[in-house]
Amino acid sequence: MAKIAVVYYSSTGHVHQLALAVQAGAEEAGAEVRLRRAAELAPEEVIRSQDAWHEHYLATKDSVAEATNDDLEWADGLAFGTPTRYGLPTAQLKQFIDQTGPLWGAGKLNGKLATSFTSAQTTHGGLESTILALNNVFYHWGAIIVPPGYADPIQFETGTPYGTSHVSGGGGEIPESTLKSAHFQGKRLAEYAAKLGG
């Protein structure tokens, strides 16, 4: 059975929903999954100043465990999710990544499978560049990147071969096609992790 760690940061909940879909896809493929969130860095008064951020923070701070290096060492496959910040991953996820040096130095991230997903406020708000920035981390780790590509018909509908991407600016619910894309991405990661001996 493959072991998959879905590690994400979400401020208002969009990336959290994508992470749940990735988790469901990996579980459908028979994987054991750990859903983990990056620790919040923003001051509480800033979080409280935005209703959606505060509501999501309260809804998940006690129900989703914070990610640790142990989760990465445990996993065969890694799925990282983040909103974009100026076309880059959030500081919260980046701080978690910056603490993986001991694992990297010991070669414990080498050969793990990895994939990434994101959300941005606008259509051209850095979706692809954020995923590519996360991939830079995977290159340094020696991880094997598993993109969704166009390996399923849903990918032609969403048009996101790099990794599931959601444009959150219009408000409302995440489109079903985007959630299906995230589900497929998690399933694909787990299937390849199992094939490679997870």
C-alpha atoms as a PDB file:
ATOM      1  CA  MET A   1       0.000   0.000   0.000  1.00  0.00           C
ATOM      2  CA  ALA A   2       1.373   3.412  -0.982  1.00  0.00           C
ATOM      3  CA  LYS A   3       1.664   6.122   1.657  1.00  0.00           C
ATOM      4  CA  ILE A   4       0.782   9.650   0.572  1.00  0.00           C
ATOM      5  CA  ALA A   5       1.254  12.910   2.497  1.00  0.00           C
ATOM      6  CA  VAL A   6      -0.954  15.782   1.339  1.00  0.00           C
ATOM      7  CA  VAL A   7       0.658  18.913   2.769  1.00  0.00           C
ATOM      8  CA  TYR A   8      -0.967  22.278   2.156  1.00  0.00           C
ATOM      9  CA  TYR A   9      -1.582  25.791   3.360  1.00  0.00           C
ATOM     10  CA  SER A  10      -4.974  27.437   2.927  1.00  0.00           C
ATOM     11  CA  SER A  11      -6.129  30.793   4.220  1.00  0.00           C
ATOM     12  CA  THR A  12      -9.774  30.941   3.143  1.00  0.00           C
ATOM     13  CA  GLY A  13     -10.385  27.269   2.366  1.00  0.00           C
ATOM     14  CA  HIS A  14     -10.005  26.856  -1.402  1.00  0.00           C
ATOM     15  CA  VAL A  15      -6.704  24.969  -1.236  1.00  0.00           C
ATOM     16  CA  HIS A  16      -8.087  22.964   1.695  1.00  0.00           C
ATOM     17  CA  GLN A  17     -10.944  21.776  -0.544  1.00  0.00           C
ATOM     18  CA  LEU A  18      -8.465  20.855  -3.272  1.00  0.00           C
ATOM     19  CA  ALA A  19      -6.372  18.974  -0.700  1.00  0.00           C
ATOM     20  CA  LEU A  20      -9.435  16.979   0.367  1.00  0.00           C
ATOM     21  CA  ALA A  21     -10.066  16.030  -3.269  1.00  0.00           C
ATOM     22  CA  VAL A  22      -6.417  14.983  -3.718  1.00  0.00           C
ATOM     23  CA  GLN A  23      -6.720  12.921  -0.528  1.00  0.00           C
ATOM     24  CA  ALA A  24      -9.909  11.238  -1.780  1.00  0.00           C
ATOM     25  CA  GLY A  25      -8.270  10.353  -5.095  1.00  0.00           C
ATOM     26  CA  ALA A  26      -5.239   8.827  -3.393  1.00  0.00           C
ATOM     27  CA  GLU A  27      -7.473   6.838  -1.044  1.00  0.00           C
ATOM     28  CA  GLU A  28      -9.532   5.584  -3.988  1.00  0.00           C
ATOM     29  CA  ALA A  29      -6.283   4.201  -5.409  1.00  0.00           C
ATOM     30  CA  GLY A  30      -5.754   2.281  -2.165  1.00  0.00           C
ATOM     31  CA  ALA A  31      -3.228   4.588  -0.488  1.00  0.00           C
ATOM     32  CA  GLU A  32      -2.922   5.425   3.166  1.00  0.00           C
ATOM     33  CA  VAL A  33      -3.065   9.222   3.366  1.00  0.00           C
ATOM     34  CA  ARG A  34      -1.982  11.812   5.896  1.00  0.00           C
ATOM     35  CA  LEU A  35      -3.654  15.196   5.386  1.00  0.00           C
ATOM     36  CA  ARG A  36      -1.467  17.886   6.967  1.00  0.00           C
ATOM     37  CA  ARG A  37      -1.467  21.685   7.008  1.00  0.00           C
ATOM     38  CA  ALA A  38       1.427  24.103   7.254  1.00  0.00           C
ATOM     39  CA  ALA A  39       1.447  26.119  10.458  1.00  0.00           C
ATOM     40  CA  GLU A  40      -0.183  29.538  10.366  1.00  0.00           C
ATOM     41  CA  LEU A  41       2.270  32.425  10.633  1.00  0.00           C
ATOM     42  CA  ALA A  42      -0.039  35.431  10.394  1.00  0.00           C
ATOM     43  CA  PRO A  43      -0.886  37.303  13.612  1.00  0.00           C
ATOM     44  CA  GLU A  44      -4.310  36.506  15.000  1.00  0.00           C
ATOM     45  CA  GLU A  45      -5.502  40.100  14.611  1.00  0.00           C
ATOM     46  CA  VAL A  46      -4.780  39.916  10.875  1.00  0.00           C
ATOM     47  CA  ILE A  47      -6.627  36.603  10.555  1.00  0.00           C
ATOM     48  CA  ARG A  48      -9.606  38.004  12.496  1.00  0.00           C
ATOM     49  CA  SER A  49      -9.765  41.037  10.192  1.00  0.00           C
ATOM     50  CA  GLN A  50     -10.916  38.863   7.257  1.00  0.00           C
ATOM     51  CA  ASP A  51     -14.055  36.825   7.879  1.00  0.00           C
ATOM     52  CA  ALA A  52     -13.361  33.970   5.435  1.00  0.00           C
ATOM     53  CA  TRP A  53      -9.787  33.570   6.710  1.00  0.00           C
ATOM     54  CA  HIS A  54     -10.879  33.586  10.350  1.00  0.00           C
ATOM     55  CA  GLU A  55     -13.714  31.096   9.720  1.00  0.00           C
ATOM     56  CA  HIS A  56     -11.421  28.677   7.892  1.00  0.00           C
ATOM     57  CA  TYR A  57      -8.711  29.011  10.530  1.00  0.00           C
ATOM     58  CA  LEU A  58     -11.172  28.152  13.309  1.00  0.00           C
ATOM     59  CA  ALA A  59     -12.639  25.268  11.285  1.00  0.00           C
ATOM     60  CA  THR A  60      -9.309  23.524  10.684  1.00  0.00           C
ATOM     61  CA  LYS A  61      -6.848  24.507  13.425  1.00  0.00           C
ATOM     62  CA  ASP A  62      -7.896  21.606  15.652  1.00  0.00           C
ATOM     63  CA  SER A  63      -9.129  19.133  13.023  1.00  0.00           C
ATOM     64  CA  VAL A  64      -6.132  19.021  10.646  1.00  0.00           C
ATOM     65  CA  ALA A  65      -2.741  18.254  12.179  1.00  0.00           C
ATOM     66  CA  GLU A  66       0.248  20.435  11.379  1.00  0.00           C
ATOM     67  CA  ALA A  67       2.787  18.946   8.974  1.00  0.00           C
ATOM     68  CA  THR A  68       6.107  17.649  10.282  1.00  0.00           C
ATOM     69  CA  ASN A  69       9.237  16.228   8.702  1.00  0.00           C
ATOM     70  CA  ASP A  70       8.117  12.840  10.003  1.00  0.00           C
ATOM     71  CA  ASP A  71       5.154  13.000   7.612  1.00  0.00           C
ATOM     72  CA  LEU A  72       7.490  13.501   4.656  1.00  0.00           C
ATOM     73  CA  GLU A  73       9.846  10.743   5.741  1.00  0.00           C
ATOM     74  CA  TRP A  74       6.888   8.374   6.203  1.00  0.00           C
ATOM     75  CA  ALA A  75       5.391   9.022   2.768  1.00  0.00           C
ATOM     76  CA  ASP A  76       6.169   7.445  -0.595  1.00  0.00           C
ATOM     77  CA  GLY A  77       4.387  10.281  -2.424  1.00  0.00           C
ATOM     78  CA  LEU A  78       3.985  13.963  -1.584  1.00  0.00           C
ATOM     79  CA  ALA A  79       1.266  16.355  -2.755  1.00  0.00           C
ATOM     80  CA  PHE A  80       1.893  20.013  -1.892  1.00  0.00           C
ATOM     81  CA  GLY A  81      -0.799  22.679  -2.186  1.00  0.00           C
ATOM     82  CA  THR A  82      -0.693  26.426  -1.685  1.00  0.00           C
ATOM     83  CA  PRO A  83      -2.374  29.655  -2.710  1.00  0.00           C
ATOM     84  CA  THR A  84      -0.196  31.910  -4.822  1.00  0.00           C
ATOM     85  CA  ARG A  85       1.582  34.906  -3.341  1.00  0.00           C
ATOM     86  CA  TYR A  86       2.982  37.021  -6.163  1.00  0.00           C
ATOM     87  CA  GLY A  87       3.381  33.875  -8.252  1.00  0.00           C
ATOM     88  CA  LEU A  88       5.112  31.957  -5.457  1.00  0.00           C
ATOM     89  CA  PRO A  89       4.081  29.599  -2.631  1.00  0.00           C
ATOM     90  CA  THR A  90       2.893  31.179   0.609  1.00  0.00           C
ATOM     91  CA  ALA A  91       5.319  31.985   3.412  1.00  0.00           C
ATOM     92  CA  GLN A  92       3.545  29.391   5.564  1.00  0.00           C
ATOM     93  CA  LEU A  93       4.283  26.521   3.193  1.00  0.00           C
ATOM     94  CA  LYS A  94       7.719  27.877   2.376  1.00  0.00           C
ATOM     95  CA  GLN A  95       8.656  27.956   6.066  1.00  0.00           C
ATOM     96  CA  PHE A  96       7.688  24.301   6.367  1.00  0.00           C
ATOM     97  CA  ILE A  97       9.757  23.465   3.286  1.00  0.00           C
ATOM     98  CA  ASP A  98      12.711  25.423   4.697  1.00  0.00           C
ATOM     99  CA  GLN A  99      12.723  23.112   7.720  1.00  0.00           C
ATOM    100  CA  THR A 100      13.267  19.978   5.614  1.00  0.00           C
ATOM    101  CA  GLY A 101      17.041  20.455   5.407  1.00  0.00           C
ATOM    102  CA  PRO A 102      17.856  17.538   7.744  1.00  0.00           C
ATOM    103  CA  LEU A 103      15.782  15.146   5.606  1.00  0.00           C
ATOM    104  CA  TRP A 104      17.326  16.474   2.399  1.00  0.00           C
ATOM    105  CA  GLY A 105      20.835  16.263   3.842  1.00  0.00           C
ATOM    106  CA  ALA A 106      20.289  12.633   4.809  1.00  0.00           C
ATOM    107  CA  GLY A 107      18.908  11.783   1.356  1.00  0.00           C
ATOM    108  CA  LYS A 108      15.506  10.874   2.786  1.00  0.00           C
ATOM    109  CA  LEU A 109      13.539  12.860   0.195  1.00  0.00           C
ATOM    110  CA  ASN A 110      15.447  11.452  -2.757  1.00  0.00           C
ATOM    111  CA  GLY A 111      13.272   9.288  -4.998  1.00  0.00           C
ATOM    112  CA  LYS A 112       9.936  10.245  -3.435  1.00  0.00           C
ATOM    113  CA  LEU A 113       7.155  11.071  -5.862  1.00  0.00           C
ATOM    114  CA  ALA A 114       5.821  14.619  -5.747  1.00  0.00           C
ATOM    115  CA  THR A 115       3.043  16.724  -7.253  1.00  0.00           C
ATOM    116  CA  SER A 116       1.592  20.167  -6.544  1.00  0.00           C
ATOM    117  CA  PHE A 117      -1.630  22.170  -6.784  1.00  0.00           C
ATOM    118  CA  THR A 118      -2.640  25.783  -6.245  1.00  0.00           C
ATOM    119  CA  SER A 119      -5.254  28.527  -6.225  1.00  0.00           C
ATOM    120  CA  ALA A 120      -5.047  32.197  -7.213  1.00  0.00           C
ATOM    121  CA  GLN A 121      -7.389  35.166  -7.096  1.00  0.00           C
ATOM    122  CA  THR A 122      -7.178  35.816 -10.847  1.00  0.00           C
ATOM    123  CA  THR A 123      -6.795  33.761 -14.016  1.00  0.00           C
ATOM    124  CA  HIS A 124      -3.227  34.935 -14.633  1.00  0.00           C
ATOM    125  CA  GLY A 125      -2.362  35.423 -10.974  1.00  0.00           C
ATOM    126  CA  GLY A 126       0.586  33.041 -10.861  1.00  0.00           C
ATOM    127  CA  LEU A 127      -0.988  29.583 -11.021  1.00  0.00           C
ATOM    128  CA  GLU A 128       1.654  27.978 -13.233  1.00  0.00           C
ATOM    129  CA  SER A 129       4.576  29.876 -11.717  1.00  0.00           C
ATOM    130  CA  THR A 130       3.584  28.761  -8.218  1.00  0.00           C
ATOM    131  CA  ILE A 131       3.516  25.111  -9.270  1.00  0.00           C
ATOM    132  CA  LEU A 132       6.826  25.504 -11.087  1.00  0.00           C
ATOM    133  CA  ALA A 133       8.308  27.135  -7.973  1.00  0.00           C
ATOM    134  CA  LEU A 134       7.257  24.134  -5.898  1.00  0.00           C
ATOM    135  CA  ASN A 135       8.766  21.862  -8.532  1.00  0.00           C
ATOM    136  CA  ASN A 136      12.101  23.630  -8.011  1.00  0.00           C
ATOM    137  CA  VAL A 137      12.047  22.287  -4.451  1.00  0.00           C
ATOM    138  CA  PHE A 138      11.319  18.789  -5.738  1.00  0.00           C
ATOM    139  CA  TYR A 139      14.301  18.958  -8.108  1.00  0.00           C
ATOM    140  CA  HIS A 140      16.604  19.784  -5.211  1.00  0.00           C
ATOM    141  CA  TRP A 141      15.177  16.928  -3.162  1.00  0.00           C
ATOM    142  CA  GLY A 142      15.739  14.461  -5.998  1.00  0.00           C
ATOM    143  CA  ALA A 143      12.011  13.748  -6.043  1.00  0.00           C
ATOM    144  CA  ILE A 144      10.233  12.334  -9.084  1.00  0.00           C
ATOM    145  CA  ILE A 145       7.600  14.817 -10.243  1.00  0.00           C
ATOM    146  CA  VAL A 146       4.228  13.301 -11.188  1.00  0.00           C
ATOM    147  CA  PRO A 147       2.132  15.924 -12.974  1.00  0.00           C
ATOM    148  CA  PRO A 148      -1.462  15.178 -13.939  1.00  0.00           C
ATOM    149  CA  GLY A 149      -0.642  16.054 -17.544  1.00  0.00           C
ATOM    150  CA  TYR A 150      -3.455  15.247 -19.954  1.00  0.00           C
ATOM    151  CA  ALA A 151      -3.650  11.662 -18.750  1.00  0.00           C
ATOM    152  CA  ASP A 152      -7.409  11.815 -18.073  1.00  0.00           C
ATOM    153  CA  PRO A 153     -10.258  13.436 -20.031  1.00  0.00           C
ATOM    154  CA  ILE A 154     -10.945  15.803 -17.118  1.00  0.00           C
ATOM    155  CA  GLN A 155      -7.558  17.411 -17.749  1.00  0.00           C
ATOM    156  CA  PHE A 156      -8.679  18.539 -21.197  1.00  0.00           C
ATOM    157  CA  GLU A 157     -11.697  20.178 -19.567  1.00  0.00           C
ATOM    158  CA  THR A 158      -9.676  22.014 -16.928  1.00  0.00           C
ATOM    159  CA  GLY A 159      -6.559  22.557 -19.034  1.00  0.00           C
ATOM    160  CA  THR A 160      -4.119  22.226 -16.164  1.00  0.00           C
ATOM    161  CA  PRO A 161      -1.347  19.741 -17.006  1.00  0.00           C
ATOM    162  CA  TYR A 162       1.058  21.175 -14.410  1.00  0.00           C
ATOM    163  CA  GLY A 163      -1.187  20.576 -11.412  1.00  0.00           C
ATOM    164  CA  THR A 164      -4.728  21.353 -10.337  1.00  0.00           C
ATOM    165  CA  SER A 165      -5.362  25.104 -10.344  1.00  0.00           C
ATOM    166  CA  HIS A 166      -8.362  27.082  -9.128  1.00  0.00           C
ATOM    167  CA  VAL A 167      -9.227  30.718  -9.787  1.00  0.00           C
ATOM    168  CA  SER A 168     -10.945  31.897  -6.604  1.00  0.00           C
ATOM    169  CA  GLY A 169     -11.684  35.524  -7.522  1.00  0.00           C
ATOM    170  CA  GLY A 170     -15.244  35.017  -8.693  1.00  0.00           C
ATOM    171  CA  GLY A 171     -16.340  33.689  -5.322  1.00  0.00           C
ATOM    172  CA  GLY A 172     -18.664  30.760  -4.997  1.00  0.00           C
ATOM    173  CA  GLU A 173     -17.897  27.072  -5.019  1.00  0.00           C
ATOM    174  CA  ILE A 174     -14.954  25.377  -6.676  1.00  0.00           C
ATOM    175  CA  PRO A 175     -16.166  23.953 -10.017  1.00  0.00           C
ATOM    176  CA  GLU A 176     -16.827  20.213  -9.997  1.00  0.00           C
ATOM    177  CA  SER A 177     -14.388  19.794 -12.879  1.00  0.00           C
ATOM    178  CA  THR A 178     -11.580  21.307 -10.793  1.00  0.00           C
ATOM    179  CA  LEU A 179     -12.338  19.003  -7.870  1.00  0.00           C
ATOM    180  CA  LYS A 180     -12.361  16.036 -10.270  1.00  0.00           C
ATOM    181  CA  SER A 181      -8.981  17.168 -11.567  1.00  0.00           C
ATOM    182  CA  ALA A 182      -7.590  17.258  -8.011  1.00  0.00           C
ATOM    183  CA  HIS A 183      -9.102  13.835  -7.356  1.00  0.00           C
ATOM    184  CA  PHE A 184      -7.414  12.481 -10.475  1.00  0.00           C
ATOM    185  CA  GLN A 185      -4.100  14.069  -9.454  1.00  0.00           C
ATOM    186  CA  GLY A 186      -4.185  12.349  -6.056  1.00  0.00           C
ATOM    187  CA  LYS A 187      -5.178   9.041  -7.616  1.00  0.00           C
ATOM    188  CA  ARG A 188      -2.387   9.255 -10.197  1.00  0.00           C
ATOM    189  CA  LEU A 189       0.211  10.056  -7.529  1.00  0.00           C
ATOM    190  CA  ALA A 190      -0.891   7.083  -5.416  1.00  0.00           C
ATOM    191  CA  GLU A 191      -0.973   4.715  -8.397  1.00  0.00           C
ATOM    192  CA  TYR A 192       2.578   5.595  -9.395  1.00  0.00           C
ATOM    193  CA  ALA A 193       3.775   5.402  -5.800  1.00  0.00           C
ATOM    194  CA  ALA A 194       2.345   1.887  -5.624  1.00  0.00           C
ATOM    195  CA  LYS A 195       3.951   0.924  -8.954  1.00  0.00           C
ATOM    196  CA  LEU A 196       7.329   2.071  -7.715  1.00  0.00           C
ATOM    197  CA  GLY A 197       7.071  -0.071  -4.620  1.00  0.00           C
ATOM    198  CA  GLY A 198       5.201   2.090  -2.123  1.00  0.00           C
END
